[in-house]
Amino acid sequence: MRSRYSAFVMRNEPYLLATWHGTQRPKSIEFDPNQKWLGLKIVDSRGTGADTAEVEFIARFRIGGGSAARLHERSRFVREGGRWFYVDGDIRG
């Protein structure tokens, strides 16, 4: 999760796409050039099976000169071939 957050901060599309599960992977990622990431907090993480896990996180960001906002999500991951892939997530309020 931390590496994917860092990839969003650095706008590293190849890394993000490579760590996205093929069944859910978008063709490309549009980054907002006015978005600035401010921090990541891992709220919870847990294994949900031998090769599945969930991570709940809050990522804070600002767009332009606006107020800070946050993305609160519980993400699902799957391990295939020894590598973890982001599958999808549920946005929290």
C-alpha atoms as a PDB file:
ATOM      1  CA  MET A   1       0.000   0.000   0.000  1.00  0.00           C
ATOM      2  CA  ARG A   2       2.765   2.424   0.880  1.00  0.00           C
ATOM      3  CA  SER A   3       4.515   1.782  -2.432  1.00  0.00           C
ATOM      4  CA  ARG A   4       1.309   2.478  -4.370  1.00  0.00           C
ATOM      5  CA  TYR A   5       0.769   5.705  -2.412  1.00  0.00           C
ATOM      6  CA  SER A   6       4.337   6.744  -3.232  1.00  0.00           C
ATOM      7  CA  ALA A   7       3.690   5.939  -6.885  1.00  0.00           C
ATOM      8  CA  PHE A   8       0.649   8.243  -6.859  1.00  0.00           C
ATOM      9  CA  VAL A   9       2.764  10.991  -5.274  1.00  0.00           C
ATOM     10  CA  MET A  10       5.446  10.528  -7.954  1.00  0.00           C
ATOM     11  CA  ARG A  11       2.861  10.044 -10.748  1.00  0.00           C
ATOM     12  CA  ASN A  12       4.488   6.709 -11.598  1.00  0.00           C
ATOM     13  CA  GLU A  13       1.882   5.257 -13.921  1.00  0.00           C
ATOM     14  CA  PRO A  14       3.932   2.187 -15.013  1.00  0.00           C
ATOM     15  CA  TYR A  15       4.365   1.050 -11.399  1.00  0.00           C
ATOM     16  CA  LEU A  16       0.703   1.579 -10.537  1.00  0.00           C
ATOM     17  CA  LEU A  17      -0.474  -0.338 -13.580  1.00  0.00           C
ATOM     18  CA  ALA A  18       1.988  -3.172 -12.873  1.00  0.00           C
ATOM     19  CA  THR A  19       0.657  -3.524  -9.312  1.00  0.00           C
ATOM     20  CA  TRP A  20      -3.030  -3.419 -10.338  1.00  0.00           C
ATOM     21  CA  HIS A  21      -4.657  -6.822 -10.812  1.00  0.00           C
ATOM     22  CA  GLY A  22      -5.226  -7.556 -14.490  1.00  0.00           C
ATOM     23  CA  THR A  23      -8.967  -8.110 -14.035  1.00  0.00           C
ATOM     24  CA  GLN A  24      -9.426  -4.544 -12.756  1.00  0.00           C
ATOM     25  CA  ARG A  25      -6.494  -2.653 -14.286  1.00  0.00           C
ATOM     26  CA  PRO A  26      -7.407   0.529 -16.174  1.00  0.00           C
ATOM     27  CA  LYS A  27      -5.774   1.259 -19.527  1.00  0.00           C
ATOM     28  CA  SER A  28      -4.218   4.430 -18.166  1.00  0.00           C
ATOM     29  CA  ILE A  29      -4.274   6.729 -15.158  1.00  0.00           C
ATOM     30  CA  GLU A  30      -5.006  10.429 -15.369  1.00  0.00           C
ATOM     31  CA  PHE A  31      -3.159  12.408 -12.736  1.00  0.00           C
ATOM     32  CA  ASP A  32      -4.377  15.855 -11.731  1.00  0.00           C
ATOM     33  CA  PRO A  33      -1.326  18.127 -12.027  1.00  0.00           C
ATOM     34  CA  ASN A  34      -2.863  20.408  -9.361  1.00  0.00           C
ATOM     35  CA  GLN A  35      -3.212  17.598  -6.807  1.00  0.00           C
ATOM     36  CA  LYS A  36      -0.643  17.445  -4.017  1.00  0.00           C
ATOM     37  CA  TRP A  37      -0.573  14.422  -1.730  1.00  0.00           C
ATOM     38  CA  LEU A  38      -0.056  15.351   1.935  1.00  0.00           C
ATOM     39  CA  GLY A  39       0.221  12.040   3.776  1.00  0.00           C
ATOM     40  CA  LEU A  40      -0.843   8.452   4.246  1.00  0.00           C
ATOM     41  CA  LYS A  41      -2.151   6.767   7.384  1.00  0.00           C
ATOM     42  CA  ILE A  42      -2.686   3.014   7.482  1.00  0.00           C
ATOM     43  CA  VAL A  43      -5.744   2.482   9.679  1.00  0.00           C
ATOM     44  CA  ASP A  44      -5.936  -1.323   9.561  1.00  0.00           C
ATOM     45  CA  SER A  45      -4.579  -4.291   7.638  1.00  0.00           C
ATOM     46  CA  ARG A  46      -5.560  -7.915   7.807  1.00  0.00           C
ATOM     47  CA  GLY A  47      -5.229 -11.144   5.931  1.00  0.00           C
ATOM     48  CA  THR A  48      -8.556 -12.396   4.657  1.00  0.00           C
ATOM     49  CA  GLY A  49      -7.244 -15.682   3.278  1.00  0.00           C
ATOM     50  CA  ALA A  50      -4.003 -17.429   2.352  1.00  0.00           C
ATOM     51  CA  ASP A  51      -3.480 -15.093  -0.617  1.00  0.00           C
ATOM     52  CA  THR A  52      -5.875 -12.230   0.032  1.00  0.00           C
ATOM     53  CA  ALA A  53      -5.704  -9.192   2.289  1.00  0.00           C
ATOM     54  CA  GLU A  54      -7.340  -5.854   2.999  1.00  0.00           C
ATOM     55  CA  VAL A  55      -5.777  -2.529   3.908  1.00  0.00           C
ATOM     56  CA  GLU A  56      -7.771   0.413   5.253  1.00  0.00           C
ATOM     57  CA  PHE A  57      -6.073   3.760   4.772  1.00  0.00           C
ATOM     58  CA  ILE A  58      -6.593   7.496   4.760  1.00  0.00           C
ATOM     59  CA  ALA A  59      -4.661   9.543   2.205  1.00  0.00           C
ATOM     60  CA  ARG A  60      -4.774  13.316   2.511  1.00  0.00           C
ATOM     61  CA  PHE A  61      -4.430  15.627  -0.478  1.00  0.00           C
ATOM     62  CA  ARG A  62      -5.007  19.165  -1.698  1.00  0.00           C
ATOM     63  CA  ILE A  63      -6.032  20.325  -5.157  1.00  0.00           C
ATOM     64  CA  GLY A  64      -4.648  23.704  -6.140  1.00  0.00           C
ATOM     65  CA  GLY A  65      -4.930  26.217  -3.330  1.00  0.00           C
ATOM     66  CA  GLY A  66      -8.058  24.578  -1.923  1.00  0.00           C
ATOM     67  CA  SER A  67      -8.658  22.984   1.427  1.00  0.00           C
ATOM     68  CA  ALA A  68      -7.164  19.631   2.311  1.00  0.00           C
ATOM     69  CA  ALA A  69      -9.343  16.619   1.558  1.00  0.00           C
ATOM     70  CA  ARG A  70      -9.010  12.936   2.265  1.00  0.00           C
ATOM     71  CA  LEU A  71      -9.534   9.602   0.599  1.00  0.00           C
ATOM     72  CA  HIS A  72     -10.597   6.895   3.074  1.00  0.00           C
ATOM     73  CA  GLU A  73     -10.655   3.443   1.491  1.00  0.00           C
ATOM     74  CA  ARG A  74     -10.588  -0.245   2.374  1.00  0.00           C
ATOM     75  CA  SER A  75      -8.566  -1.836  -0.422  1.00  0.00           C
ATOM     76  CA  ARG A  76      -8.489  -5.489  -1.410  1.00  0.00           C
ATOM     77  CA  PHE A  77      -5.309  -7.223  -2.548  1.00  0.00           C
ATOM     78  CA  VAL A  78      -4.524 -10.672  -3.924  1.00  0.00           C
ATOM     79  CA  ARG A  79      -1.168 -12.477  -4.050  1.00  0.00           C
ATOM     80  CA  GLU A  80      -0.296 -14.260  -7.280  1.00  0.00           C
ATOM     81  CA  GLY A  81       3.100 -15.687  -8.086  1.00  0.00           C
ATOM     82  CA  GLY A  82       4.472 -14.244  -4.841  1.00  0.00           C
ATOM     83  CA  ARG A  83       3.441 -10.660  -5.743  1.00  0.00           C
ATOM     84  CA  TRP A  84       0.633  -8.585  -4.274  1.00  0.00           C
ATOM     85  CA  PHE A  85      -1.827  -6.858  -6.620  1.00  0.00           C
ATOM     86  CA  TYR A  86      -4.447  -4.206  -5.881  1.00  0.00           C
ATOM     87  CA  VAL A  87      -7.888  -5.531  -6.862  1.00  0.00           C
ATOM     88  CA  ASP A  88     -10.381  -2.867  -5.788  1.00  0.00           C
ATOM     89  CA  GLY A  89     -11.609  -0.932  -2.787  1.00  0.00           C
ATOM     90  CA  ASP A  90     -14.573   0.571  -1.019  1.00  0.00           C
ATOM     91  CA  ILE A  91     -14.543   4.296  -0.345  1.00  0.00           C
ATOM     92  CA  ARG A  92     -15.451   5.144   3.228  1.00  0.00           C
ATOM     93  CA  GLY A  93     -17.251   8.268   4.371  1.00  0.00           C
END
